[in-house]
């Protein structure tokens, strides 16, 4: 139907190497240098990015105020101001509401 991919991919936990080594790769960004192993817990990730429509629906449905939609660490991040600017725009207009600074 040409619509977004539905579902998620499951990524097994394990040890993964992040970063790169300029001697082994033709191009490595400065922020990617210093290859190192990290341990990752199993997780699932959506097969497609979140659309603007899905994000708007999440915001209008109170997603930033609904604890049950967040994992423990995500909720802590949010409560520390992790999404301070989110929700400061009038839905559908792109216009900023008052009360929030940049």
Protein backbone atom coordinates (compact mmCIF):
# COMPACT_ATOMS: atom_id res chain seq x y z
CA UNK A 1 0.00 0.00 0.00
CA UNK A 2 3.05 2.27 -0.02
CA UNK A 3 2.57 3.15 3.65
CA UNK A 4 5.16 3.10 6.40
CA UNK A 5 6.77 -0.13 7.48
CA UNK A 6 4.95 -1.61 10.44
CA UNK A 7 6.38 -3.68 13.23
CA UNK A 8 9.75 -3.80 14.90
CA UNK A 9 13.09 -5.52 14.69
CA UNK A 10 14.44 -7.30 17.74
CA UNK A 11 18.13 -6.75 18.42
CA UNK A 12 19.80 -9.38 20.58
CA UNK A 13 21.86 -8.26 23.51
CA UNK A 14 25.58 -8.76 23.50
CA UNK A 15 28.88 -7.02 23.03
CA UNK A 16 29.12 -4.62 20.09
CA UNK A 17 31.98 -2.46 18.85
CA UNK A 18 31.17 1.24 18.53
CA UNK A 19 33.37 3.78 16.83
CA UNK A 20 36.07 3.21 14.28
CA UNK A 21 39.74 3.33 13.55
CA UNK A 22 41.02 5.63 10.80
CA UNK A 23 43.78 3.13 9.94
CA UNK A 24 41.17 0.45 9.13
CA UNK A 25 38.44 2.57 7.52
CA UNK A 26 38.76 5.12 4.70
CA UNK A 27 36.66 7.74 6.53
CA UNK A 28 35.93 8.11 10.24
CA UNK A 29 34.41 11.21 11.82
CA UNK A 30 36.27 12.67 14.81
CA UNK A 31 33.30 11.80 17.02
CA UNK A 32 33.51 8.15 15.90
CA UNK A 33 37.19 7.57 16.64
CA UNK A 34 38.30 5.25 19.36
CA UNK A 35 36.61 1.94 18.64
CA UNK A 36 35.48 0.34 21.86
CA UNK A 37 33.29 -2.56 22.94
CA UNK A 38 30.03 -1.92 24.78
CA UNK A 39 27.54 -4.33 26.32
CA UNK A 40 23.98 -3.80 25.09
CA UNK A 41 20.80 -5.25 26.55
CA UNK A 42 18.32 -6.81 24.09
CA UNK A 43 15.89 -4.28 22.64
CA UNK A 44 13.35 -3.72 19.88
CA UNK A 45 13.28 -0.82 17.44
CA UNK A 46 10.63 0.27 14.96
CA UNK A 47 11.23 -0.65 11.32
CA UNK A 48 10.41 2.91 10.22
CA UNK A 49 10.97 6.38 11.69
CA UNK A 50 8.11 8.03 13.55
CA UNK A 51 6.05 10.15 11.15
CA UNK A 52 5.05 13.74 11.86
CA UNK A 53 1.44 12.55 12.10
CA UNK A 54 2.35 9.90 14.70
CA UNK A 55 4.36 12.42 16.74
CA UNK A 56 1.52 14.93 16.69
CA UNK A 57 -0.90 12.23 17.83
CA UNK A 58 1.46 11.29 20.69
CA UNK A 59 1.73 14.93 21.82
CA UNK A 60 -2.01 15.65 21.54
CA UNK A 61 -2.79 12.47 23.47
CA UNK A 62 -0.67 13.69 26.39
CA UNK A 63 2.25 11.36 25.72
CA UNK A 64 4.67 13.62 27.57
CA UNK A 65 2.47 13.48 30.68
CA UNK A 66 1.69 9.74 30.65
CA UNK A 67 4.14 7.81 32.83
CA UNK A 68 2.91 4.43 31.54
CA UNK A 69 4.33 5.17 28.09
CA UNK A 70 7.90 5.57 29.36
CA UNK A 71 10.59 3.25 30.63
CA UNK A 72 12.19 4.17 33.96
CA UNK A 73 15.24 5.91 32.48
CA UNK A 74 13.18 7.70 29.82
CA UNK A 75 10.81 9.10 32.44
CA UNK A 76 13.76 10.28 34.58
CA UNK A 77 15.22 12.04 31.53
CA UNK A 78 11.87 13.68 30.82
CA UNK A 79 11.41 14.82 34.42
CA UNK A 80 14.90 16.39 34.39
CA UNK A 81 13.77 18.58 31.50
CA UNK A 82 14.89 16.33 28.66
CA UNK A 83 12.09 17.54 26.39
CA UNK A 84 11.83 21.11 27.64
CA UNK A 85 10.91 22.61 24.25
CA UNK A 86 8.53 19.84 23.15
CA UNK A 87 4.88 20.79 23.16
CA UNK A 88 5.53 24.54 23.07
CA UNK A 89 4.06 24.86 19.59
CA UNK A 90 0.39 25.14 18.73
CA UNK A 91 -0.67 21.90 17.09
CA UNK A 92 -0.78 22.12 13.33
CA UNK A 93 0.32 25.76 13.07
CA UNK A 94 4.05 25.74 13.82
CA UNK A 95 3.48 28.84 15.97
CA UNK A 96 5.14 28.99 19.40
CA UNK A 97 3.02 29.44 22.50
CA UNK A 98 4.18 31.79 25.21
CA UNK A 99 5.95 30.77 28.39
CA UNK A 100 8.90 28.83 27.04
CA UNK A 101 12.36 30.11 26.29
CA UNK A 102 14.88 28.81 23.86
